[in-house]
N, C-alpha and C. Protein backbone atom coordinates (compact mmCIF):
# COMPACT_ATOMS: atom_id res chain seq x y z
N MET A 1 -35.20 -11.02 14.65
CA MET A 1 -35.22 -11.53 13.29
C MET A 1 -36.55 -10.94 12.43
N LEU A 2 -36.79 -10.92 11.19
CA LEU A 2 -38.07 -10.41 10.63
C LEU A 2 -38.60 -11.74 9.79
N PRO A 3 -40.09 -11.77 10.35
CA PRO A 3 -40.55 -12.96 9.55
C PRO A 3 -40.37 -12.75 8.22
N MET A 4 -40.72 -13.94 7.19
CA MET A 4 -40.38 -14.02 5.80
C MET A 4 -41.34 -13.09 5.06
N SER A 5 -42.54 -12.79 5.68
CA SER A 5 -43.29 -11.90 4.73
C SER A 5 -43.03 -10.38 5.01
N LEU A 6 -42.15 -10.09 5.95
CA LEU A 6 -42.17 -8.81 5.98
C LEU A 6 -40.27 -8.31 5.89
N LYS A 7 -39.56 -9.39 5.10
CA LYS A 7 -38.21 -9.51 4.08
C LYS A 7 -38.34 -9.06 3.02
N PRO A 8 -38.08 -7.79 2.71
CA PRO A 8 -38.13 -8.00 0.97
C PRO A 8 -37.32 -8.44 0.50
N ASP A 9 -37.84 -9.31 -0.65
CA ASP A 9 -37.62 -9.75 -1.76
C ASP A 9 -36.30 -9.30 -2.66
N MET A 10 -35.44 -10.17 -3.48
CA MET A 10 -34.31 -9.49 -4.04
C MET A 10 -34.67 -8.97 -5.52
N LYS A 11 -35.92 -8.75 -5.86
CA LYS A 11 -36.51 -8.40 -7.07
C LYS A 11 -37.23 -7.02 -6.47
N THR A 12 -37.68 -6.88 -5.68
CA THR A 12 -37.76 -5.52 -4.80
C THR A 12 -36.76 -4.43 -4.69
N LEU A 13 -35.41 -5.50 -3.84
CA LEU A 13 -34.26 -4.28 -3.86
C LEU A 13 -33.88 -3.56 -5.17
N ARG A 14 -33.96 -4.51 -6.43
CA ARG A 14 -33.19 -4.16 -7.45
C ARG A 14 -34.06 -3.33 -7.88
N ARG A 15 -35.65 -3.65 -7.84
CA ARG A 15 -36.35 -2.35 -8.73
C ARG A 15 -36.16 -0.95 -7.91
N ARG A 16 -36.06 -1.18 -6.51
CA ARG A 16 -35.85 0.24 -5.86
C ARG A 16 -34.71 0.70 -6.46
N SER A 17 -33.23 0.19 -6.16
CA SER A 17 -32.11 0.64 -6.33
C SER A 17 -32.40 1.45 -7.82
N SER A 18 -32.62 0.64 -8.92
CA SER A 18 -32.97 1.43 -10.20
C SER A 18 -33.56 2.25 -10.20
N MET A 19 -34.70 2.30 -9.77
CA MET A 19 -35.68 3.68 -9.70
C MET A 19 -34.98 4.70 -8.97
N PHE A 20 -34.09 4.28 -7.96
CA PHE A 20 -33.25 5.43 -7.31
C PHE A 20 -32.45 6.06 -8.15
N VAL A 21 -31.74 5.33 -9.00
CA VAL A 21 -30.24 5.61 -9.88
C VAL A 21 -31.22 6.53 -10.59
N ARG A 22 -32.59 6.06 -11.50
CA ARG A 22 -33.06 7.01 -12.51
C ARG A 22 -33.51 8.23 -12.34
N ALA A 23 -34.03 7.79 -11.04
CA ALA A 23 -34.68 9.52 -10.39
C ALA A 23 -33.59 10.38 -10.11
N ASN A 24 -32.14 10.15 -10.37
CA ASN A 24 -31.07 11.12 -9.85
C ASN A 24 -30.47 11.63 -10.93
N THR A 25 -30.89 10.72 -11.97
CA THR A 25 -30.50 11.24 -13.43
C THR A 25 -30.90 12.95 -13.60
N ASP A 26 -30.03 13.81 -14.42
CA ASP A 26 -30.53 15.10 -14.36
C ASP A 26 -30.76 15.31 -15.98
N VAL A 27 -32.00 15.18 -16.27
CA VAL A 27 -32.23 15.03 -17.82
C VAL A 27 -33.25 16.39 -18.17
N SER A 28 -32.99 17.85 -18.65
CA SER A 28 -33.62 18.55 -18.84
C SER A 28 -34.45 18.13 -20.04
N ALA A 29 -35.94 19.02 -20.16
CA ALA A 29 -36.86 18.75 -20.87
C ALA A 29 -36.00 19.71 -22.54
N GLU A 30 -35.53 20.61 -22.50
CA GLU A 30 -34.51 21.06 -23.30
C GLU A 30 -33.81 20.00 -24.03
N ALA A 31 -33.12 19.24 -23.48
CA ALA A 31 -32.37 18.09 -23.79
C ALA A 31 -33.00 16.66 -24.87
N LEU A 32 -34.38 16.90 -24.38
CA LEU A 32 -35.21 15.79 -25.33
C LEU A 32 -35.81 16.07 -26.21
N ARG A 33 -35.95 17.45 -26.04
CA ARG A 33 -36.83 18.16 -27.58
C ARG A 33 -35.80 18.29 -28.55
N PRO A 34 -36.81 17.80 -29.77
CA PRO A 34 -35.75 17.83 -31.23
C PRO A 34 -34.96 19.20 -31.93
N LYS A 35 -33.55 19.06 -32.33
CA LYS A 35 -33.35 20.70 -32.48
C LYS A 35 -33.83 21.45 -33.43
N LYS A 36 -34.54 20.77 -34.25
CA LYS A 36 -35.57 21.00 -35.42
C LYS A 36 -36.81 20.58 -35.75
N GLU A 37 -37.46 21.84 -36.02
CA GLU A 37 -39.01 21.27 -35.95
C GLU A 37 -39.21 20.33 -37.19
N ASN A 38 -40.13 19.44 -37.39
CA ASN A 38 -40.51 18.88 -38.85
C ASN A 38 -40.47 19.70 -39.77
N THR A 39 -40.39 19.57 -40.92
CA THR A 39 -40.70 20.58 -42.03
C THR A 39 -41.26 19.31 -43.56
N TYR A 40 -41.53 18.26 -43.06
CA TYR A 40 -42.07 16.96 -44.17
C TYR A 40 -41.62 17.10 -45.15
N LYS A 41 -40.46 17.35 -45.06
CA LYS A 41 -39.90 16.97 -46.73
C LYS A 41 -39.58 15.56 -47.00
N MET A 42 -39.50 15.33 -47.79
CA MET A 42 -39.12 13.73 -48.58
C MET A 42 -37.90 13.80 -48.79
N GLU A 43 -37.23 14.90 -49.27
CA GLU A 43 -35.67 14.73 -49.81
C GLU A 43 -34.93 16.32 -49.43
N PRO A 44 -33.81 16.15 -49.40
CA PRO A 44 -32.91 17.51 -48.47
C PRO A 44 -32.75 18.39 -50.05
N ASP A 45 -32.57 19.62 -49.47
CA ASP A 45 -32.98 20.77 -50.30
C ASP A 45 -31.29 20.63 -51.10
N ILE A 46 -30.20 20.41 -50.37
CA ILE A 46 -28.76 20.14 -51.06
C ILE A 46 -28.19 18.63 -50.37
N ALA A 47 -28.03 18.02 -51.43
CA ALA A 47 -28.10 16.20 -51.29
C ALA A 47 -26.22 16.44 -50.89
N PHE A 48 -26.10 15.46 -50.32
CA PHE A 48 -24.86 15.00 -49.44
C PHE A 48 -23.99 14.74 -50.64
N SER A 49 -22.53 15.63 -50.84
CA SER A 49 -21.78 15.79 -51.86
C SER A 49 -20.90 15.14 -51.62
N CYS A 50 -20.69 13.63 -52.67
CA CYS A 50 -19.55 12.88 -52.38
C CYS A 50 -18.37 13.77 -52.80
N ALA A 51 -18.13 14.51 -54.23
CA ALA A 51 -17.06 14.93 -54.10
C ALA A 51 -16.62 16.04 -53.21
N LYS A 52 -17.21 17.07 -52.52
CA LYS A 52 -16.98 17.60 -51.80
C LYS A 52 -16.24 17.29 -50.47
N VAL A 53 -17.18 16.31 -49.78
CA VAL A 53 -16.60 15.73 -48.65
C VAL A 53 -15.61 14.87 -48.75
N LYS A 54 -15.05 14.29 -50.14
CA LYS A 54 -13.62 13.66 -50.40
C LYS A 54 -12.72 14.48 -50.34
N GLU A 55 -12.92 15.56 -50.79
CA GLU A 55 -11.77 16.87 -51.26
C GLU A 55 -11.44 17.48 -49.81
N SER A 56 -12.48 17.65 -48.96
CA SER A 56 -12.35 18.31 -47.78
C SER A 56 -11.52 17.36 -46.80
N ILE A 57 -11.92 16.11 -46.79
CA ILE A 57 -10.95 15.24 -46.22
C ILE A 57 -9.51 14.64 -46.38
N THR A 58 -9.52 14.62 -47.87
CA THR A 58 -8.16 14.31 -48.30
C THR A 58 -7.24 15.41 -48.01
N SER A 59 -7.71 16.90 -48.11
CA SER A 59 -6.82 17.98 -47.55
C SER A 59 -6.46 17.96 -45.71
N LEU A 60 -7.92 17.65 -45.35
CA LEU A 60 -7.47 17.18 -43.75
C LEU A 60 -6.52 16.38 -43.49
N PHE A 61 -6.55 14.66 -43.93
CA PHE A 61 -5.47 13.78 -43.97
C PHE A 61 -4.01 14.84 -44.51
N ARG A 62 -3.91 15.59 -45.44
CA ARG A 62 -2.58 15.80 -46.02
C ARG A 62 -2.10 17.03 -44.48
N GLU A 63 -3.22 17.80 -43.89
CA GLU A 63 -2.27 18.78 -42.94
C GLU A 63 -2.19 17.57 -41.84
N GLU A 64 -2.96 16.70 -41.22
CA GLU A 64 -3.01 16.22 -40.42
C GLU A 64 -1.47 14.87 -40.10
N LEU A 65 -1.74 14.54 -41.28
CA LEU A 65 -0.91 12.73 -41.36
C LEU A 65 0.76 13.18 -42.09
N ASP A 66 0.72 13.90 -42.82
CA ASP A 66 1.97 14.11 -43.35
C ASP A 66 3.30 13.81 -42.56
N GLU A 67 3.32 14.33 -41.85
CA GLU A 67 4.65 14.47 -40.92
C GLU A 67 4.53 13.45 -39.91
N LEU A 68 3.49 12.20 -39.93
CA LEU A 68 3.26 11.28 -38.82
C LEU A 68 4.00 10.36 -39.18
N THR A 69 4.53 9.26 -38.17
CA THR A 69 4.77 7.95 -38.51
C THR A 69 3.79 7.03 -37.49
N PHE A 70 3.97 5.92 -37.89
CA PHE A 70 3.08 4.98 -37.45
C PHE A 70 3.33 4.62 -35.69
N ASP A 71 2.84 4.76 -35.01
CA ASP A 71 2.97 4.41 -32.97
C ASP A 71 1.93 3.66 -32.62
N HIS A 72 2.16 2.39 -32.40
CA HIS A 72 1.32 1.69 -31.97
C HIS A 72 0.42 2.15 -30.82
N ASP A 73 1.19 2.88 -29.44
CA ASP A 73 0.65 3.67 -28.22
C ASP A 73 -0.29 4.59 -28.36
N ILE A 74 -0.37 5.40 -30.08
CA ILE A 74 -1.06 6.82 -29.93
C ILE A 74 -2.26 6.25 -31.20
N THR A 75 -2.25 5.13 -31.62
CA THR A 75 -3.29 5.14 -33.07
C THR A 75 -4.57 5.07 -32.58
N SER A 76 -5.23 4.36 -31.55
CA SER A 76 -6.42 4.59 -30.83
C SER A 76 -7.24 6.52 -30.63
N LYS A 77 -5.79 7.13 -30.09
CA LYS A 77 -6.37 8.22 -29.83
C LYS A 77 -6.39 9.01 -31.40
N LEU A 78 -5.43 8.59 -32.12
CA LEU A 78 -5.52 9.45 -33.68
C LEU A 78 -6.52 9.01 -34.13
N SER A 79 -7.08 7.88 -34.04
CA SER A 79 -8.16 7.46 -35.11
C SER A 79 -9.79 8.07 -34.56
N CYS A 80 -9.72 8.35 -32.92
CA CYS A 80 -10.73 9.23 -32.44
C CYS A 80 -10.86 10.58 -32.73
N ASN A 81 -9.49 10.84 -32.60
CA ASN A 81 -9.32 12.23 -32.78
C ASN A 81 -9.67 12.92 -34.80
N LEU A 82 -9.31 12.15 -35.00
CA LEU A 82 -9.69 12.23 -36.95
C LEU A 82 -11.33 11.85 -36.80
N ALA A 83 -11.95 11.11 -36.39
CA ALA A 83 -13.06 10.77 -36.63
C ALA A 83 -13.84 12.13 -36.31
N GLU A 84 -13.52 12.93 -35.13
CA GLU A 84 -14.03 14.10 -34.27
C GLU A 84 -13.93 15.15 -35.62
N LYS A 85 -12.72 15.01 -36.09
CA LYS A 85 -12.23 16.13 -36.76
C LYS A 85 -13.05 16.09 -37.87
N ILE A 86 -13.08 14.82 -38.46
CA ILE A 86 -13.56 14.58 -40.10
C ILE A 86 -15.29 14.73 -39.61
N LYS A 87 -16.11 14.56 -38.54
CA LYS A 87 -17.40 14.56 -38.62
C LYS A 87 -17.32 16.26 -38.64
N ASN A 88 -16.67 17.47 -37.63
CA ASN A 88 -16.88 18.80 -37.84
C ASN A 88 -16.61 19.34 -39.33
N LYS A 89 -15.53 18.65 -39.89
CA LYS A 89 -15.32 19.09 -41.51
C LYS A 89 -16.26 18.91 -42.10
N VAL A 90 -17.09 17.80 -42.37
CA VAL A 90 -18.40 17.42 -43.03
C VAL A 90 -19.55 18.60 -42.57
N ARG A 91 -19.62 18.17 -41.29
CA ARG A 91 -20.82 18.99 -40.75
C ARG A 91 -20.55 20.71 -41.29
N ASP A 92 -19.46 21.39 -41.57
CA ASP A 92 -19.24 22.47 -42.03
C ASP A 92 -19.68 22.81 -43.33
N LEU A 93 -19.33 21.57 -44.09
CA LEU A 93 -20.20 21.93 -45.28
C LEU A 93 -21.56 21.96 -45.66
N LYS A 94 -22.03 21.83 -44.90
CA LYS A 94 -23.96 22.52 -44.60
C LYS A 94 -24.83 21.80 -45.00
N PHE A 95 -24.89 20.28 -44.85
CA PHE A 95 -25.35 19.49 -45.22
C PHE A 95 -26.92 19.34 -44.30
N GLU A 96 -27.42 20.13 -44.43
CA GLU A 96 -28.89 19.81 -43.56
C GLU A 96 -29.86 18.64 -43.08
N ARG A 97 -30.07 18.46 -42.54
CA ARG A 97 -30.84 17.54 -41.83
C ARG A 97 -30.25 15.97 -42.21
N TYR A 98 -28.89 16.05 -42.10
CA TYR A 98 -27.91 15.13 -42.67
C TYR A 98 -27.34 14.46 -41.03
N LYS A 99 -27.39 12.87 -40.75
CA LYS A 99 -26.98 12.53 -39.77
C LYS A 99 -25.66 12.28 -40.47
N ILE A 100 -24.68 12.31 -39.51
CA ILE A 100 -23.01 12.04 -40.25
C ILE A 100 -22.33 11.08 -39.13
N ALA A 101 -22.31 9.92 -39.90
CA ALA A 101 -21.53 8.78 -39.06
C ALA A 101 -20.06 8.49 -39.74
N VAL A 102 -18.98 8.32 -38.95
CA VAL A 102 -17.60 8.26 -39.19
C VAL A 102 -17.10 6.88 -38.87
N ASN A 103 -16.29 5.98 -39.72
CA ASN A 103 -15.66 5.26 -38.71
C ASN A 103 -14.22 4.80 -39.57
N VAL A 104 -13.05 5.30 -38.65
CA VAL A 104 -11.76 5.32 -39.01
C VAL A 104 -10.59 4.55 -38.55
N ILE A 105 -10.21 3.86 -39.45
CA ILE A 105 -9.59 2.82 -39.23
C ILE A 105 -7.74 3.13 -39.09
N VAL A 106 -7.01 3.29 -38.42
CA VAL A 106 -5.45 3.22 -38.74
C VAL A 106 -4.49 2.12 -38.37
N GLY A 107 -3.88 2.37 -39.47
CA GLY A 107 -3.06 0.87 -39.16
C GLY A 107 -1.61 1.00 -39.44
N GLN A 108 -0.79 0.07 -39.54
CA GLN A 108 0.85 0.20 -40.13
C GLN A 108 0.66 -0.37 -41.38
N ALA A 109 1.58 0.10 -42.18
CA ALA A 109 1.73 -0.18 -43.51
C ALA A 109 3.02 -1.20 -43.62
N ALA A 110 2.34 -2.49 -43.66
CA ALA A 110 3.67 -3.49 -43.64
C ALA A 110 3.39 -4.39 -44.95
N ASN A 111 2.90 -3.75 -45.63
CA ASN A 111 2.71 -5.04 -47.04
C ASN A 111 1.61 -6.23 -46.58
N GLN A 112 0.20 -5.70 -45.74
CA GLN A 112 -0.15 -6.73 -45.52
C GLN A 112 -1.88 -6.26 -46.43
N GLY A 113 -2.40 -6.92 -45.90
CA GLY A 113 -3.70 -6.66 -46.88
C GLY A 113 -4.86 -6.59 -45.80
N LEU A 114 -5.90 -5.65 -45.92
CA LEU A 114 -7.11 -5.20 -45.03
C LEU A 114 -8.39 -5.13 -46.11
N GLU A 115 -9.37 -5.81 -45.48
CA GLU A 115 -10.69 -5.91 -46.00
C GLU A 115 -11.45 -5.31 -45.16
N VAL A 116 -12.38 -4.31 -45.46
CA VAL A 116 -13.59 -3.71 -44.16
C VAL A 116 -14.84 -3.83 -45.52
N GLY A 117 -15.77 -4.43 -44.60
CA GLY A 117 -17.01 -3.88 -45.16
C GLY A 117 -18.34 -3.36 -44.36
N SER A 118 -19.04 -3.01 -44.68
CA SER A 118 -19.97 -2.28 -44.10
C SER A 118 -21.35 -2.42 -44.54
N ARG A 119 -22.65 -2.68 -43.92
CA ARG A 119 -23.87 -2.20 -44.29
C ARG A 119 -25.11 -1.55 -43.78
N CYS A 120 -26.01 -0.96 -43.95
CA CYS A 120 -26.52 -0.24 -43.65
C CYS A 120 -27.97 -0.53 -44.62
N ILE A 121 -29.11 0.26 -43.78
CA ILE A 121 -30.59 0.41 -44.60
C ILE A 121 -30.52 1.66 -44.65
N TRP A 122 -30.71 1.98 -45.98
CA TRP A 122 -30.53 3.48 -46.26
C TRP A 122 -31.45 3.79 -47.23
N ASP A 123 -32.23 5.00 -47.89
CA ASP A 123 -32.60 5.19 -48.72
C ASP A 123 -31.69 5.70 -50.36
N GLU A 124 -31.75 4.97 -51.25
CA GLU A 124 -30.72 5.33 -52.30
C GLU A 124 -30.98 6.94 -52.60
N LYS A 125 -31.75 7.45 -52.34
CA LYS A 125 -32.04 8.34 -53.46
C LYS A 125 -31.38 9.69 -52.85
N THR A 126 -31.55 9.79 -51.23
CA THR A 126 -31.03 10.63 -50.38
C THR A 126 -29.49 10.71 -49.54
N ASP A 127 -29.67 9.18 -49.52
CA ASP A 127 -28.09 8.84 -48.18
C ASP A 127 -27.07 8.30 -49.36
N ASN A 128 -26.10 8.66 -48.75
CA ASN A 128 -24.68 8.36 -49.53
C ASN A 128 -23.86 8.46 -48.07
N GLN A 129 -22.58 7.61 -49.30
CA GLN A 129 -21.23 7.30 -48.54
C GLN A 129 -19.74 7.53 -49.30
N VAL A 130 -18.78 7.77 -48.40
CA VAL A 130 -17.42 8.12 -49.18
C VAL A 130 -16.82 7.43 -48.36
N CYS A 131 -15.93 6.94 -48.96
CA CYS A 131 -14.53 6.01 -48.62
C CYS A 131 -13.10 6.92 -49.17
N VAL A 132 -12.49 7.33 -48.13
CA VAL A 132 -11.19 8.29 -48.10
C VAL A 132 -9.69 7.23 -47.98
N THR A 133 -8.91 6.99 -48.31
CA THR A 133 -8.01 6.33 -48.15
C THR A 133 -6.53 6.95 -47.95
N TYR A 134 -5.72 6.95 -47.08
CA TYR A 134 -4.19 7.82 -46.90
C TYR A 134 -3.38 6.81 -46.89
N HIS A 135 -2.45 7.11 -47.65
CA HIS A 135 -1.45 5.95 -47.31
C HIS A 135 -0.06 6.53 -47.46
N HIS A 136 0.80 6.61 -46.27
CA HIS A 136 1.92 7.40 -46.14
C HIS A 136 3.04 5.94 -45.97
N LYS A 137 4.39 6.68 -45.66
CA LYS A 137 5.65 5.56 -45.82
C LYS A 137 5.20 4.37 -44.68
N ASP A 138 4.79 4.39 -43.34
CA ASP A 138 4.71 3.31 -42.80
C ASP A 138 3.27 3.81 -41.88
N LEU A 139 2.12 4.10 -42.48
CA LEU A 139 0.89 3.95 -41.98
C LEU A 139 0.01 4.55 -43.32
N PHE A 140 -1.42 3.79 -42.84
CA PHE A 140 -2.43 3.72 -43.65
C PHE A 140 -3.32 4.22 -43.25
N VAL A 141 -3.96 4.83 -43.55
CA VAL A 141 -6.01 5.64 -42.96
C VAL A 141 -6.84 5.25 -43.68
N VAL A 142 -7.72 4.52 -43.63
CA VAL A 142 -9.44 4.41 -43.80
C VAL A 142 -10.45 5.09 -43.46
N ALA A 143 -10.85 6.46 -44.05
CA ALA A 143 -12.23 6.78 -43.48
C ALA A 143 -13.36 6.66 -44.13
N MET A 144 -14.12 5.71 -43.36
CA MET A 144 -15.59 5.66 -43.77
C MET A 144 -16.64 6.84 -43.47
N ILE A 145 -17.40 7.99 -44.24
CA ILE A 145 -18.17 9.02 -44.37
C ILE A 145 -19.49 8.47 -44.81
N PHE A 146 -20.38 8.45 -43.52
CA PHE A 146 -21.76 7.80 -43.95
C PHE A 146 -22.52 9.43 -43.92
N GLY A 147 -23.69 9.64 -44.70
CA GLY A 147 -24.36 10.80 -44.64
C GLY A 147 -25.80 10.45 -45.11
N VAL A 148 -26.73 10.10 -44.24
CA VAL A 148 -27.93 10.25 -43.92
C VAL A 148 -28.71 10.50 -43.75
N PHE A 149 -30.00 11.11 -44.36
CA PHE A 149 -30.91 12.52 -44.53
C PHE A 149 -32.04 11.62 -43.39
N TYR A 150 -32.44 12.55 -42.38
CA TYR A 150 -33.36 12.17 -41.76
C TYR A 150 -34.44 13.47 -41.62
N GLU A 151 -35.62 12.99 -40.92
CA GLU A 151 -36.94 14.20 -41.10
C GLU A 151 -37.18 14.24 -39.57
């Protein structure tokens, strides 16, 4: 049996194990570098256009959801897939130096109410948001798209 002074305490064991885990992560220097160099611009060249985004997402909803009926088992996957497609569609509109955040809610249309609220800290001159809704016979979708300019 080891004397008390030679036994490692629990803090030391935890510290060693966490250092071991961090040491094994494979993070390259390329992944840590910014994708674009700083331009020191305080305003975008092309502003986030709500009309273009709304038109694009409305057409996406028509393509994806017209023939779909509500199924509780697929709504989680459907909302994730729609969010990814919306994000890609907005990126295709080429709003450079904008971070795009998408929140999608899918539900069954059964004469119930839904209230959604969100808050953000942003610059009113450059940042914007769009809310696109889609209603079908027994399905509704609410998509909130946020475009936040960053340098």
